[in-house]
Amino acid sequence: MSFFHYLRPLIVTLTVFFWLGQHPNAHANETVDKGLLTKLNDAQKRLSSSQKNIASQKRNLLEKLNKLEREVQALQQKTAAARRLSDEKTLSLSQLETRIKDWREQQNYQQNLINRFLHQQQLNSQPAGLTTAEKMQLIQGFSQELQGKLSPIWQPQSIVMGNGKLEQLPTLSLGPINWFWHEDLQQAGLATREDGQLHSALLLDGSASAGLKAIQSEGRGELFFDPTMNRAVARQQHQQTAWQHVVKGGVWVIPILTFAVLALVIAIYKSVQLARLPKLQRFTPTYLHSQLAEPSEKVLASIKGQQKELFDIALQANNDRARDDQLFVQLQQDKYWLERWLLVIGITASVAPLLGLLGTVSGMIETFKMMTLFGSGDPEVVSGGIAQALITTELGLVVAIPALILNAILSKRAKSYYHELENFAILLSQPIEEQPNEVKQEAA
């Protein structure tokens, strides 16, 4: 039904109003007005009903439209899935080869991870030669062993002792730490694992052995372990005596030690010699010349050693020239006697570092030869050779520094004593007229 069908009564009503306006009549107008109002109300009711019907139909159409859209979306998804399935079935040979290549790379990566794990855990030194099943068996065995370590029990295992003998001993393992009990020795020990084999690292004494024995017999006791993961044990094993450390320096240690012993003997000898020198007496020139003219017993008793020899030369000289010559000769002999052998100590202080450096250079040459023959893949070989080469330099400095100090101290003592003798000789050689006024004698 058209919308104009509902508007037609309204148009008729307006036409009647217009006509009545042209032909005014009171009664007729009233009758017409009532009829028009009635028709107008009916028209409004029919219009409202039509609008409700239109709204209801619109809702129904919207619901149908939404339902159709959902069905379209579901069909699109099914179409995409069917298209992907069709694409999977129609893959080209190159795409399949690419996928196979990726799978192989993934397989190689997994194999490398397994081989690295086996190598790190020292389960097999050459895991590449094993099949995948054998590798998985090794990993499974390691897993079972690890589970066993979480609840440790005593197990008999082969242990390489310090003397190289392989013995079957009860072993207790807790994580990376291994203890063993030697029944014959009644002693416990720590063991380290190297290349899958247990090696005796340290024998325990006292309470440590008693604690492990209590654990074996009673199931409870105190354990001794190395918190540094056996690094402290390894350091203790590599501790050396001073002589063992020096011997590692090689052949150049011999001349260094020879110089050291020679310098030490001379230093001791010269120290005793200089310490036993008599104390020099000091005199004023006037008093000394008065004693040369008439020496007293007191003065002769107080003068000893080289000073007495100089005084005797001045007493026995016939003239001034002969006296001065004899005093000079005696001073030269005293100087030679005081400084004798001190040069060896000075030479030791100079030569010992050079010999040490020479030994180090020789050791480095040998180290580089070994690196050339066997390569430098093992850092322990290189560091060990360098450490051994540096022993001679260390020893040379240890010898040179004390020798230098001793030479300085002894030389200063000898020169000081000689200068006092020289001053005394100068006083003896002075003429009488050059002497100052008489002064009192001074004690040294």
Protein backbone atom coordinates (compact mmCIF):
# COMPACT_ATOMS: atom_id res chain seq x y z
CA MET A 1 0.00 0.00 0.00
CA SER A 2 1.48 3.36 -1.04
CA PHE A 3 2.10 6.26 1.31
CA PHE A 4 -0.01 8.46 -0.95
CA HIS A 5 -2.99 6.28 -0.15
CA TYR A 6 -2.85 7.55 3.43
CA LEU A 7 -2.46 11.17 2.38
CA ARG A 8 -5.46 11.18 0.09
CA PRO A 9 -8.09 11.77 2.89
CA LEU A 10 -6.00 14.66 4.14
CA ILE A 11 -5.91 16.19 0.70
CA VAL A 12 -9.71 15.77 0.38
CA THR A 13 -10.22 17.37 3.76
CA LEU A 14 -8.10 20.38 2.81
CA THR A 15 -10.02 20.69 -0.43
CA VAL A 16 -13.36 20.72 1.47
CA PHE A 17 -12.00 23.42 3.81
CA PHE A 18 -11.05 25.44 0.86
CA TRP A 19 -14.42 24.97 -0.76
CA LEU A 20 -16.23 25.93 2.44
CA GLY A 21 -14.21 29.06 2.62
CA GLN A 22 -15.59 29.94 -0.75
CA HIS A 23 -19.21 29.09 0.25
CA PRO A 24 -19.62 29.98 3.90
CA ASN A 25 -22.42 28.27 5.74
CA ALA A 26 -22.49 27.94 9.52
CA HIS A 27 -24.33 24.64 9.90
CA ALA A 28 -22.72 23.06 6.98
CA ASN A 29 -19.34 24.13 8.20
CA GLU A 30 -19.85 22.51 11.55
CA THR A 31 -20.92 19.22 9.97
CA VAL A 32 -17.99 19.26 7.62
CA ASP A 33 -15.57 20.02 10.42
CA LYS A 34 -16.67 17.02 12.41
CA GLY A 35 -16.41 14.74 9.44
CA LEU A 36 -12.98 16.04 8.58
CA LEU A 37 -11.71 15.63 12.13
CA THR A 38 -12.96 12.08 12.20
CA LYS A 39 -11.25 11.28 8.94
CA LEU A 40 -8.08 13.05 10.07
CA ASN A 41 -7.89 10.94 13.26
CA ASP A 42 -8.44 7.76 11.29
CA ALA A 43 -5.70 8.76 8.91
CA GLN A 44 -3.29 9.43 11.76
CA LYS A 45 -4.04 6.02 13.32
CA ARG A 46 -3.46 4.24 10.04
CA LEU A 47 -0.18 6.22 9.61
CA SER A 48 1.09 5.19 13.09
CA SER A 49 0.19 1.56 12.43
CA SER A 50 2.00 1.65 9.11
CA GLN A 51 5.13 3.09 10.75
CA LYS A 52 5.13 0.30 13.35
CA ASN A 53 4.82 -2.31 10.62
CA ILE A 54 7.70 -0.73 8.71
CA ALA A 55 9.93 -0.72 11.85
CA SER A 56 9.09 -4.36 12.58
CA GLN A 57 9.90 -5.40 9.01
CA LYS A 58 13.15 -3.40 9.17
CA ARG A 59 14.27 -5.30 12.31
CA ASN A 60 13.53 -8.62 10.67
CA LEU A 61 15.48 -7.62 7.60
CA LEU A 62 18.48 -6.51 9.72
CA GLU A 63 18.52 -9.85 11.56
CA LYS A 64 18.45 -11.73 8.28
CA LEU A 65 21.27 -9.49 6.96
CA ASN A 66 23.49 -10.19 10.02
CA LYS A 67 22.83 -13.89 9.72
CA LEU A 68 23.82 -13.80 6.07
CA GLU A 69 27.02 -11.86 6.88
CA ARG A 70 28.04 -14.48 9.48
CA GLU A 71 27.42 -17.22 6.97
CA VAL A 72 29.56 -15.33 4.45
CA GLN A 73 32.43 -15.03 6.96
CA ALA A 74 32.25 -18.75 7.78
CA LEU A 75 32.30 -19.52 4.08
CA GLN A 76 35.35 -17.25 3.63
CA GLN A 77 37.21 -19.10 6.39
CA LYS A 78 36.35 -22.44 4.85
CA THR A 79 37.49 -21.11 1.52
CA ALA A 80 40.86 -19.96 2.97
CA ALA A 81 41.39 -23.33 4.64
CA ALA A 82 40.54 -25.12 1.43
CA ARG A 83 42.89 -22.84 -0.46
CA ARG A 84 45.75 -23.52 1.99
CA LEU A 85 45.09 -27.25 1.71
CA SER A 86 45.16 -26.91 -2.01
CA ASP A 87 48.44 -24.98 -1.83
CA GLU A 88 49.97 -27.66 0.41
CA LYS A 89 49.05 -30.29 -2.14
CA THR A 90 50.46 -28.27 -4.98
CA LEU A 91 53.84 -27.33 -3.38
CA SER A 92 56.70 -27.28 -5.84
CA LEU A 93 59.80 -29.50 -5.57
CA SER A 94 62.01 -26.54 -4.62
CA GLN A 95 59.80 -25.72 -1.62
CA LEU A 96 59.97 -29.31 -0.43
CA GLU A 97 63.77 -29.28 -0.78
CA THR A 98 63.91 -26.07 1.24
CA ARG A 99 61.90 -27.66 4.03
CA ILE A 100 64.07 -30.77 4.02
CA LYS A 101 67.16 -28.57 4.23
CA ASP A 102 65.75 -26.73 7.24
CA TRP A 103 64.93 -30.02 8.95
CA ARG A 104 68.47 -31.29 8.33
CA GLU A 105 69.98 -28.11 9.74
CA GLN A 106 67.80 -28.48 12.81
CA GLN A 107 68.92 -32.10 13.16
CA ASN A 108 72.60 -31.10 12.86
CA TYR A 109 72.09 -28.42 15.49
CA GLN A 110 70.55 -30.93 17.89
CA GLN A 111 73.37 -33.41 17.21
CA ASN A 112 75.96 -30.71 17.94
CA LEU A 113 74.23 -29.91 21.23
CA ILE A 114 74.29 -33.59 22.20
CA ASN A 115 77.98 -33.96 21.23
CA ARG A 116 78.92 -30.84 23.18
CA PHE A 117 77.07 -32.10 26.25
CA LEU A 118 78.81 -35.48 26.05
CA HIS A 119 82.19 -33.78 25.68
CA GLN A 120 81.62 -31.31 28.52
CA GLN A 121 80.49 -34.05 30.88
CA GLN A 122 83.45 -36.21 29.74
CA LEU A 123 81.10 -39.05 28.88
CA ASN A 124 82.91 -39.77 25.61
CA SER A 125 86.01 -38.15 24.13
CA GLN A 126 84.81 -38.80 20.53
CA PRO A 127 80.99 -38.58 20.53
CA ALA A 128 80.88 -38.04 16.75
CA GLY A 129 81.61 -41.74 16.17
CA LEU A 130 78.52 -42.93 18.11
CA THR A 131 75.02 -43.47 16.85
CA THR A 132 72.12 -41.42 18.14
CA ALA A 133 70.82 -44.37 20.19
CA GLU A 134 74.23 -44.84 21.85
CA LYS A 135 74.44 -41.14 22.64
CA MET A 136 71.00 -41.18 24.23
CA GLN A 137 72.04 -44.21 26.31
CA LEU A 138 75.06 -42.29 27.60
CA ILE A 139 72.90 -39.29 28.45
CA GLN A 140 70.37 -41.53 30.17
CA GLY A 141 73.16 -43.18 32.19
CA PHE A 142 74.49 -39.75 33.17
CA SER A 143 70.99 -38.73 34.23
CA GLN A 144 70.66 -41.84 36.39
CA GLU A 145 74.07 -41.19 37.90
CA LEU A 146 73.06 -37.60 38.63
CA GLN A 147 69.90 -38.82 40.31
CA GLY A 148 72.05 -41.17 42.38
CA LYS A 149 74.25 -38.28 43.48
CA LEU A 150 71.24 -36.49 44.88
CA SER A 151 70.95 -39.35 47.37
CA PRO A 152 74.60 -40.54 47.60
CA ILE A 153 75.50 -44.09 48.52
CA TRP A 154 78.82 -45.92 48.76
CA GLN A 155 79.84 -47.47 45.46
CA PRO A 156 83.02 -49.37 44.54
CA GLN A 157 84.99 -47.49 41.88
CA SER A 158 88.48 -47.67 40.40
CA ILE A 159 90.80 -44.93 41.69
CA VAL A 160 94.33 -44.14 40.52
CA MET A 161 96.42 -43.66 43.67
CA GLY A 162 99.38 -41.33 44.06
CA ASN A 163 101.86 -44.13 43.32
CA GLY A 164 100.11 -44.87 40.02
CA LYS A 165 98.42 -48.05 41.26
CA LEU A 166 94.78 -48.64 40.27
CA GLU A 167 92.69 -49.80 43.23
CA GLN A 168 89.02 -50.65 43.70
CA LEU A 169 87.83 -48.63 46.70
CA PRO A 170 84.43 -47.68 48.17
CA THR A 171 83.60 -44.18 46.96
CA LEU A 172 81.05 -41.62 48.09
CA SER A 173 80.09 -38.98 45.50
CA LEU A 174 78.18 -35.79 46.21
CA GLY A 175 77.93 -33.51 43.20
CA PRO A 176 81.42 -32.94 41.79
CA ILE A 177 83.11 -34.02 45.06
CA ASN A 178 84.27 -37.60 45.57
CA TRP A 179 85.54 -39.23 48.77
CA PHE A 180 87.05 -42.69 49.12
CA TRP A 181 87.99 -44.94 52.01
CA HIS A 182 91.18 -47.02 51.97
CA GLU A 183 90.64 -49.96 54.31
CA ASP A 184 94.28 -51.08 54.35
CA LEU A 185 95.59 -47.64 55.24
CA GLN A 186 92.57 -46.82 57.43
CA GLN A 187 92.56 -43.43 55.78
CA ALA A 188 90.11 -41.36 53.78
CA GLY A 189 90.87 -39.17 50.80
CA LEU A 190 89.55 -36.80 48.17
CA ALA A 191 89.43 -37.84 44.50
CA THR A 192 89.14 -35.77 41.35
CA ARG A 193 87.67 -36.92 38.05
CA GLU A 194 89.88 -36.50 34.99
CA ASP A 195 88.82 -37.85 31.59
CA GLY A 196 86.21 -40.03 33.26
CA GLN A 197 88.70 -41.62 35.70
CA LEU A 198 89.00 -40.91 39.42
CA HIS A 199 92.45 -39.88 40.69
CA SER A 200 93.52 -39.60 44.31
CA ALA A 201 93.98 -35.89 45.03
CA LEU A 202 94.58 -35.73 48.78
CA LEU A 203 94.74 -38.15 51.71
CA LEU A 204 92.88 -36.95 54.80
CA ASP A 205 94.20 -37.34 58.33
CA GLY A 206 92.80 -37.03 61.81
CA SER A 207 89.20 -35.99 62.29
CA ALA A 208 88.53 -35.81 58.54
CA SER A 209 89.26 -39.54 58.12
CA ALA A 210 87.36 -40.36 61.31
CA GLY A 211 84.30 -38.46 60.07
CA LEU A 212 84.24 -40.33 56.76
CA LYS A 213 84.74 -43.65 58.57
CA ALA A 214 81.77 -42.83 60.80
CA ILE A 215 79.65 -42.14 57.72
CA GLN A 216 80.61 -45.49 56.23
CA SER A 217 79.95 -47.48 59.38
CA GLU A 218 77.14 -45.53 61.08
CA GLY A 219 75.70 -43.47 58.24
CA ARG A 220 76.34 -40.18 60.03
CA GLY A 221 79.44 -38.07 60.48
CA GLU A 222 81.35 -34.96 59.42
CA LEU A 223 82.67 -34.55 55.88
CA PHE A 224 85.75 -32.66 54.82
CA PHE A 225 85.60 -31.08 51.36
CA ASP A 226 87.30 -28.40 49.32
CA PRO A 227 84.90 -25.48 48.62
CA THR A 228 87.18 -24.28 45.81
CA MET A 229 86.35 -27.38 43.76
CA ASN A 230 89.74 -29.01 44.37
CA ARG A 231 91.69 -25.90 43.31
CA ALA A 232 93.14 -25.58 46.80
CA VAL A 233 94.09 -29.26 46.70
CA ALA A 234 95.78 -28.78 43.34
CA ARG A 235 97.66 -25.77 44.70
CA GLN A 236 98.78 -27.75 47.71
CA GLN A 237 100.02 -30.52 45.44
CA HIS A 238 102.04 -28.04 43.39
CA GLN A 239 103.67 -26.42 46.42
CA GLN A 240 107.45 -26.67 46.22
CA THR A 241 110.33 -26.22 48.55
CA ALA A 242 112.76 -23.39 47.93
CA TRP A 243 115.35 -25.80 46.56
CA GLN A 244 112.85 -27.42 44.16
CA HIS A 245 111.82 -23.98 42.95
CA VAL A 246 115.43 -22.96 42.35
CA VAL A 247 116.37 -26.21 40.58
CA LYS A 248 113.67 -25.58 37.96
CA GLY A 249 115.65 -22.59 36.74
CA GLY A 250 118.04 -24.81 34.77
CA VAL A 251 121.78 -24.69 34.25
CA TRP A 252 122.10 -20.91 34.71
CA VAL A 253 121.18 -21.30 38.36
CA ILE A 254 124.64 -22.79 39.04
CA PRO A 255 126.73 -19.64 38.32
CA ILE A 256 124.18 -17.44 40.12
CA LEU A 257 124.32 -19.62 43.23
CA THR A 258 128.13 -19.77 42.97
CA PHE A 259 128.39 -15.99 43.02
CA ALA A 260 125.80 -15.87 45.82
CA VAL A 261 127.73 -18.29 48.03
CA LEU A 262 131.04 -16.55 47.31
CA ALA A 263 129.57 -13.13 48.10
CA LEU A 264 127.95 -14.43 51.29
CA VAL A 265 131.20 -15.97 52.56
CA ILE A 266 133.17 -12.81 51.79
CA ALA A 267 130.49 -10.62 53.37
CA ILE A 268 130.60 -12.66 56.58
CA TYR A 269 134.41 -12.65 56.61
CA LYS A 270 134.67 -8.90 55.99
CA SER A 271 131.94 -8.14 58.53
CA VAL A 272 133.83 -10.03 61.22
CA GLN A 273 137.14 -8.47 60.11
CA LEU A 274 135.84 -4.88 60.16
CA ALA A 275 133.97 -5.44 63.42
CA ARG A 276 137.20 -6.61 65.12
CA LEU A 277 139.20 -3.52 64.07
CA PRO A 278 140.59 -1.67 67.11
CA LYS A 279 139.16 1.70 67.93
CA LEU A 280 141.27 4.60 66.65
CA GLN A 281 142.55 7.17 69.17
CA ARG A 282 142.36 10.85 68.30
CA PHE A 283 145.05 13.34 69.32
CA THR A 284 145.71 17.00 68.88
CA PRO A 285 148.75 17.77 66.69
CA THR A 286 150.78 19.33 69.58
CA TYR A 287 150.08 16.49 71.96
CA LEU A 288 150.86 13.91 69.28
CA HIS A 289 154.25 15.48 68.47
CA SER A 290 155.07 15.69 72.14
CA GLN A 291 154.44 11.97 72.37
CA LEU A 292 156.67 11.37 69.34
CA ALA A 293 159.47 13.10 71.21
CA GLU A 294 158.90 11.27 74.51
CA PRO A 295 156.14 8.55 74.18
CA SER A 296 154.33 7.59 77.36
CA GLU A 297 153.30 4.10 78.33
CA LYS A 298 149.66 5.13 78.46
CA VAL A 299 149.67 6.35 74.87
CA LEU A 300 151.55 3.31 73.61
CA ALA A 301 149.03 1.02 75.33
CA SER A 302 146.01 2.84 73.87
CA ILE A 303 147.23 2.73 70.26
CA LYS A 304 146.66 -0.63 68.49
CA GLY A 305 146.52 -2.18 65.06
CA GLN A 306 147.20 -0.13 61.95
CA GLN A 307 147.32 3.07 64.00
CA LYS A 308 150.19 1.66 66.10
CA GLU A 309 152.07 0.67 62.93
CA LEU A 310 151.82 4.25 61.67
CA PHE A 311 152.95 5.61 65.05
CA ASP A 312 155.93 3.23 65.11
CA ILE A 313 156.96 4.36 61.61
CA ALA A 314 156.92 8.01 62.78
CA LEU A 315 159.01 7.11 65.84
CA GLN A 316 161.59 5.10 63.93
CA ALA A 317 161.95 7.38 60.89
CA ASN A 318 165.38 9.02 60.44
CA ASN A 319 164.12 12.04 58.54
CA ASP A 320 160.88 13.62 57.33
CA ARG A 321 161.13 12.34 53.73
CA ALA A 322 161.71 8.73 54.74
CA ARG A 323 158.91 9.01 57.30
CA ASP A 324 156.40 10.33 54.74
CA ASP A 325 157.30 7.64 52.21
CA GLN A 326 156.93 4.88 54.77
CA LEU A 327 153.61 6.32 55.99
CA PHE A 328 152.28 6.44 52.39
CA VAL A 329 153.31 2.84 51.76
CA GLN A 330 151.71 1.69 54.99
CA LEU A 331 148.48 3.54 54.18
CA GLN A 332 148.31 1.84 50.76
CA GLN A 333 148.78 -1.57 52.43
CA ASP A 334 146.06 -0.75 54.97
CA LYS A 335 143.70 0.37 52.20
CA TYR A 336 144.29 -2.83 50.26
CA TRP A 337 143.76 -4.87 53.40
CA LEU A 338 140.52 -3.06 54.28
CA GLU A 339 138.99 -3.20 50.75
CA ARG A 340 140.24 -6.68 49.92
CA TRP A 341 137.51 -9.02 48.49
CA LEU A 342 134.85 -6.28 48.59
CA LEU A 343 135.05 -6.04 44.81
CA VAL A 344 133.70 -9.60 44.54
CA ILE A 345 130.53 -8.57 46.37
CA GLY A 346 130.09 -5.60 44.01
CA ILE A 347 130.66 -7.83 40.97
CA THR A 348 128.03 -10.26 42.29
CA ALA A 349 125.52 -7.43 42.63
CA SER A 350 126.14 -6.47 38.98
CA VAL A 351 126.48 -9.90 37.38
CA ALA A 352 123.64 -11.80 39.12
CA PRO A 353 120.78 -9.90 37.34
CA LEU A 354 122.55 -10.30 33.98
CA LEU A 355 122.94 -14.05 34.53
CA GLY A 356 119.26 -14.22 35.51
CA LEU A 357 118.27 -12.38 32.35
CA LEU A 358 120.45 -14.70 30.30
CA GLY A 359 118.74 -17.72 31.87
CA THR A 360 115.34 -16.21 31.13
CA VAL A 361 116.21 -15.63 27.47
CA SER A 362 117.49 -19.20 27.17
CA GLY A 363 114.31 -20.53 28.79
CA MET A 364 112.11 -18.46 26.45
CA ILE A 365 114.00 -19.82 23.45
CA GLU A 366 113.32 -23.37 24.64
CA THR A 367 109.65 -22.50 25.23
CA PHE A 368 109.27 -21.15 21.69
CA LYS A 369 110.94 -24.27 20.34
CA MET A 370 108.37 -26.41 22.14
CA MET A 371 105.57 -24.21 20.80
CA THR A 372 106.96 -24.65 17.29
CA LEU A 373 107.06 -28.44 17.64
CA PHE A 374 103.82 -29.08 19.52
CA GLY A 375 101.80 -25.90 18.94
CA SER A 376 100.39 -23.40 21.41
CA GLY A 377 96.96 -24.94 21.86
CA ASP A 378 97.61 -25.88 25.47
CA PRO A 379 98.04 -22.68 27.55
CA GLU A 380 99.49 -24.64 30.47
CA VAL A 381 102.52 -25.62 28.41
CA VAL A 382 103.21 -22.02 27.39
CA SER A 383 102.60 -20.52 30.85
CA GLY A 384 104.61 -23.28 32.53
CA GLY A 385 107.60 -22.68 30.23
CA ILE A 386 107.50 -18.93 30.78
CA ALA A 387 107.23 -19.37 34.56
CA GLN A 388 110.22 -21.70 34.54
CA ALA A 389 112.23 -19.25 32.42
CA LEU A 390 111.55 -16.40 34.85
CA ILE A 391 112.97 -18.32 37.82
CA THR A 392 116.54 -17.31 36.91
CA THR A 393 115.59 -13.62 36.76
CA GLU A 394 113.93 -13.94 40.16
CA LEU A 395 116.98 -15.70 41.60
CA GLY A 396 119.35 -13.14 40.07
CA LEU A 397 117.46 -10.27 41.73
CA VAL A 398 117.28 -12.13 45.04
CA VAL A 399 121.08 -12.47 44.98
CA ALA A 400 121.85 -9.00 43.60
CA ILE A 401 119.80 -6.88 46.01
CA PRO A 402 121.38 -8.17 49.28
CA ALA A 403 124.83 -8.16 47.63
CA LEU A 404 124.39 -4.52 46.64
CA ILE A 405 123.33 -3.56 50.16
CA LEU A 406 126.19 -5.50 51.81
CA ASN A 407 128.73 -4.03 49.42
CA ALA A 408 127.56 -0.48 50.21
CA ILE A 409 127.64 -1.04 53.98
CA LEU A 410 131.03 -2.78 54.10
CA SER A 411 132.63 -0.35 51.65
CA LYS A 412 131.45 2.60 53.68
CA ARG A 413 132.84 1.06 56.87
CA ALA A 414 136.23 0.32 55.24
CA LYS A 415 136.52 3.78 53.69
CA SER A 416 135.59 5.48 56.95
CA TYR A 417 138.26 3.56 58.85
CA TYR A 418 140.84 4.28 56.15
CA HIS A 419 140.08 8.02 56.20
CA GLU A 420 140.68 8.10 59.95
CA LEU A 421 144.03 6.33 59.46
CA GLU A 422 144.89 8.80 56.71
CA ASN A 423 144.10 11.77 58.97
CA PHE A 424 146.27 10.28 61.69
CA ALA A 425 149.14 9.84 59.22
CA ILE A 426 148.77 13.46 58.09
CA LEU A 427 149.10 14.60 61.68
CA LEU A 428 152.24 12.48 62.07
CA SER A 429 153.79 13.98 58.93
CA GLN A 430 153.23 17.64 59.88
CA PRO A 431 156.37 19.68 60.88
CA ILE A 432 156.63 20.95 64.44
CA GLU A 433 156.49 24.60 63.49
CA GLU A 434 153.11 24.20 61.80
CA GLN A 435 151.51 22.77 64.91
CA PRO A 436 148.91 24.94 66.64
CA ASN A 437 148.91 25.69 70.35
CA GLU A 438 148.73 22.77 72.75
CA VAL A 439 145.28 21.32 73.30
CA LYS A 440 144.05 18.44 75.31
CA GLN A 441 143.86 14.88 74.02
CA GLU A 442 140.48 13.81 72.60
CA ALA A 443 139.04 10.35 72.95
CA ALA A 444 137.81 8.63 69.82
